[in-house]
Amino acid sequence: MKTTHLVFATMMLAVLSSTAGDRLPTIEVLYPNYPLPGLFRSFRETDLKESEAAILGEGGKVYVKAHLHKGLYEVQHKDISDWLRLNWVSSPNQEIAEAKYGIADFDWVSTGASASDYGVIQVLQLCDGRLKITQQIVFNTRGSNKAGATFDPKTNTLTIRGIHGWEHCCASQLDVVQFRFAGNTLQRVSYRQIPLA
């Protein structure tokens, strides 16, 4: 599916409020409730590296619809391309055989006039053999080896480190945003900025 990072960046105006004064973390949080095709028995029996994936936008917009092979997807159009990689899947504080929720981490690179690098976290719900994307968090990685996400299933804590700002130039701060999985969603519990250098 065709997409451009320019359209996606425009959508990024929906950011969370912050406890850090006027500073806002450069993240976007959506609750798409988007069903993925296919039947799934359990997270243990599901190889998400060989399954369908999607990157979603406001109002049900689908920016990337992909079939992963060995956790990767790449498509090249005339002027744009999309590259998607599944990094990891974890289950919140429960045995994966019994898990009703999973948390997936993707890298997404979209090119058009220039390239944009994003981190994408998705909360996946397994219900009656169907898998749905119930929450999605997008953050800016812009090729920085300091940006990325980790999840600790013992504490149900997701930590996102993303570049502050959507611009392509001159970033100096890293957003460190922590979420806790509570019930069925990731809820933000802290936010701070640290120097990127």
Protein backbone atom coordinates (compact mmCIF):
# COMPACT_ATOMS: atom_id res chain seq x y z
CA MET A 1 0.00 0.00 0.00
CA LYS A 2 1.32 3.42 -0.90
CA THR A 3 2.23 5.74 1.92
CA THR A 4 4.46 8.72 2.50
CA HIS A 5 6.20 9.82 5.61
CA LEU A 6 4.98 13.38 4.92
CA VAL A 7 1.34 12.39 5.30
CA PHE A 8 2.14 10.38 8.40
CA ALA A 9 4.17 13.20 9.96
CA THR A 10 1.22 15.55 9.48
CA MET A 11 -0.93 13.15 11.47
CA MET A 12 1.56 13.25 14.34
CA LEU A 13 0.00 16.40 15.79
CA ALA A 14 -2.00 14.21 18.19
CA VAL A 15 0.47 13.88 21.06
CA LEU A 16 -0.01 13.20 24.73
CA SER A 17 -0.06 15.89 27.36
CA SER A 18 2.93 15.89 29.68
CA THR A 19 3.75 16.45 33.30
CA ALA A 20 6.92 18.24 32.22
CA GLY A 21 5.56 21.77 31.77
CA ASP A 22 5.29 22.81 28.13
CA ARG A 23 7.34 19.88 26.86
CA LEU A 24 5.43 17.14 25.10
CA PRO A 25 6.77 13.70 24.24
CA THR A 26 7.02 13.07 20.52
CA ILE A 27 4.69 10.10 20.41
CA GLU A 28 1.31 9.32 18.96
CA VAL A 29 -1.16 6.99 20.70
CA LEU A 30 -4.14 5.46 18.88
CA TYR A 31 -6.79 2.90 19.84
CA PRO A 32 -7.70 1.44 16.43
CA ASN A 33 -9.37 -1.88 17.38
CA TYR A 34 -8.14 -3.15 14.01
CA PRO A 35 -8.66 -6.87 13.21
CA LEU A 36 -5.84 -8.80 11.56
CA PRO A 37 -6.79 -11.55 9.12
CA GLY A 38 -6.36 -15.19 10.02
CA LEU A 39 -7.21 -17.54 12.85
CA PHE A 40 -4.99 -17.86 15.93
CA ARG A 41 -5.16 -20.48 18.69
CA SER A 42 -2.75 -18.86 21.12
CA PHE A 43 0.26 -16.58 21.22
CA ARG A 44 2.43 -19.65 21.81
CA GLU A 45 1.21 -21.29 18.59
CA THR A 46 1.29 -18.11 16.55
CA ASP A 47 4.42 -17.16 14.64
CA LEU A 48 3.94 -13.43 14.28
CA LYS A 49 7.06 -13.28 12.10
CA GLU A 50 5.02 -15.09 9.45
CA SER A 51 1.74 -13.24 9.80
CA GLU A 52 -0.14 -10.14 8.74
CA ALA A 53 0.78 -6.75 10.17
CA ALA A 54 -0.48 -3.20 9.74
CA ILE A 55 0.60 0.34 10.62
CA LEU A 56 -2.44 2.48 11.30
CA GLY A 57 -3.38 6.15 11.38
CA GLU A 58 -6.21 8.36 12.58
CA GLY A 59 -9.74 7.59 11.44
CA GLY A 60 -9.03 4.01 10.39
CA LYS A 61 -6.31 4.97 7.87
CA VAL A 62 -3.99 2.07 7.01
CA TYR A 63 -0.50 3.29 6.17
CA VAL A 64 1.08 -0.13 5.71
CA LYS A 65 -0.63 -3.48 5.24
CA ALA A 66 1.98 -6.23 5.17
CA HIS A 67 2.57 -9.94 5.22
CA LEU A 68 5.73 -10.53 7.23
CA HIS A 69 8.24 -13.15 6.14
CA LYS A 70 10.86 -13.97 8.77
CA GLY A 71 9.67 -10.83 10.54
CA LEU A 72 10.34 -8.54 7.56
CA TYR A 73 8.36 -6.72 4.88
CA GLU A 74 9.53 -4.38 2.16
CA VAL A 75 7.70 -2.78 -0.75
CA GLN A 76 9.04 -0.34 -3.33
CA HIS A 77 6.82 1.91 -5.40
CA LYS A 78 7.85 4.49 -7.98
CA ASP A 79 8.67 7.30 -5.56
CA ILE A 80 8.22 5.76 -2.12
CA SER A 81 8.97 2.63 -0.13
CA ASP A 82 8.08 1.03 3.19
CA TRP A 83 10.22 -1.33 5.24
CA LEU A 84 8.86 -3.04 8.35
CA ARG A 85 10.58 -5.34 10.86
CA LEU A 86 9.08 -7.13 13.86
CA ASN A 87 11.68 -6.89 16.66
CA TRP A 88 9.97 -8.71 19.53
CA VAL A 89 6.68 -9.83 21.04
CA SER A 90 6.07 -10.10 24.79
CA SER A 91 3.11 -10.89 27.01
CA PRO A 92 2.20 -8.81 30.05
CA ASN A 93 2.98 -10.67 33.30
CA GLN A 94 1.46 -13.98 32.30
CA GLU A 95 2.42 -17.27 30.73
CA ILE A 96 2.38 -16.87 26.97
CA ALA A 97 0.24 -20.02 26.58
CA GLU A 98 -2.58 -18.31 28.51
CA ALA A 99 -1.98 -14.76 27.26
CA LYS A 100 -4.91 -12.80 25.93
CA TYR A 101 -2.70 -9.79 25.17
CA GLY A 102 0.65 -9.40 23.50
CA ILE A 103 2.88 -6.38 22.99
CA ALA A 104 4.76 -6.16 19.69
CA ASP A 105 7.63 -3.85 18.75
CA PHE A 106 8.30 -2.87 15.12
CA ASP A 107 10.77 -0.69 13.23
CA TRP A 108 9.19 1.15 10.29
CA VAL A 109 11.11 3.10 7.65
CA SER A 110 9.08 5.11 5.15
CA THR A 111 10.71 6.92 2.24
CA GLY A 112 9.48 9.59 -0.11
CA ALA A 113 11.23 12.92 -0.56
CA SER A 114 13.38 11.73 2.36
CA ALA A 115 13.41 8.82 4.80
CA SER A 116 11.65 8.69 8.16
CA ASP A 117 12.37 6.09 10.84
CA TYR A 118 9.72 5.18 13.41
CA GLY A 119 9.32 2.80 16.31
CA VAL A 120 5.86 1.24 16.57
CA ILE A 121 4.45 -0.51 19.63
CA GLN A 122 1.17 -2.40 19.28
CA VAL A 123 -1.02 -4.04 21.89
CA LEU A 124 -2.54 -7.18 20.37
CA GLN A 125 -5.64 -8.84 21.82
CA LEU A 126 -6.47 -12.49 21.13
CA CYS A 127 -10.20 -13.15 21.37
CA ASP A 128 -12.17 -16.07 19.90
CA GLY A 129 -9.33 -16.98 17.57
CA ARG A 130 -8.96 -13.46 16.18
CA LEU A 131 -6.14 -11.02 16.71
CA LYS A 132 -6.83 -7.29 16.99
CA ILE A 133 -4.56 -4.26 17.28
CA THR A 134 -6.19 -2.46 20.21
CA GLN A 135 -3.53 0.19 20.87
CA GLN A 136 -0.67 1.63 18.84
CA ILE A 137 2.15 3.94 19.94
CA VAL A 138 4.41 5.52 17.33
CA PHE A 139 7.64 7.34 18.17
CA ASN A 140 10.53 8.89 16.24
CA THR A 141 13.76 6.89 16.00
CA ARG A 142 15.40 8.65 13.03
CA GLY A 143 18.20 6.07 12.90
CA SER A 144 19.49 6.75 16.42
CA ASN A 145 20.97 3.73 18.18
CA LYS A 146 19.77 5.24 21.47
CA ALA A 147 16.11 5.12 20.39
CA GLY A 148 13.96 2.04 20.84
CA ALA A 149 11.64 0.23 23.23
CA THR A 150 11.87 -2.45 25.91
CA PHE A 151 9.19 -4.27 27.88
CA ASP A 152 9.63 -5.87 31.32
CA PRO A 153 6.88 -8.51 31.76
CA LYS A 154 7.64 -8.83 35.50
CA THR A 155 6.60 -5.24 36.13
CA ASN A 156 4.41 -4.81 33.02
CA THR A 157 6.49 -1.73 32.18
CA LEU A 158 7.18 -0.50 28.67
CA THR A 159 10.00 2.03 28.24
CA ILE A 160 10.17 4.02 25.02
CA ARG A 161 13.21 6.11 24.08
CA GLY A 162 12.43 8.30 21.09
CA ILE A 163 13.91 11.32 19.38
CA HIS A 164 12.19 14.51 20.56
CA GLY A 165 10.55 16.26 17.60
CA TRP A 166 9.44 15.00 14.20
CA GLU A 167 11.83 17.23 12.24
CA HIS A 168 14.65 15.73 10.20
CA CYS A 169 17.34 18.00 11.56
CA CYS A 170 19.15 18.94 14.67
CA ALA A 171 17.56 16.78 17.37
CA SER A 172 19.21 17.23 20.76
CA GLN A 173 16.85 15.52 23.21
CA LEU A 174 15.65 11.98 23.77
CA ASP A 175 12.16 11.41 25.17
CA VAL A 176 12.03 8.66 27.79
CA VAL A 177 8.39 7.64 28.29
CA GLN A 178 7.27 4.80 30.54
CA PHE A 179 3.96 2.99 30.31
CA ARG A 180 2.45 0.31 32.50
CA PHE A 181 0.14 -2.36 31.13
CA ALA A 182 -3.02 -2.10 33.25
CA GLY A 183 -6.07 -4.15 32.40
CA ASN A 184 -5.98 -4.04 28.63
CA THR A 185 -3.98 -0.93 27.69
CA LEU A 186 -0.60 0.67 28.17
CA GLN A 187 -1.03 3.73 30.39
CA ARG A 188 1.64 6.39 30.63
CA VAL A 189 3.21 6.72 34.07
CA SER A 190 6.26 8.93 33.52
CA TYR A 191 8.01 11.17 31.02
CA ARG A 192 11.37 12.92 31.00
CA GLN A 193 13.88 14.23 28.51
CA ILE A 194 17.59 13.45 28.43
CA PRO A 195 20.34 14.79 26.15
CA LEU A 196 20.72 12.85 22.94
CA ALA A 197 24.51 13.23 22.81
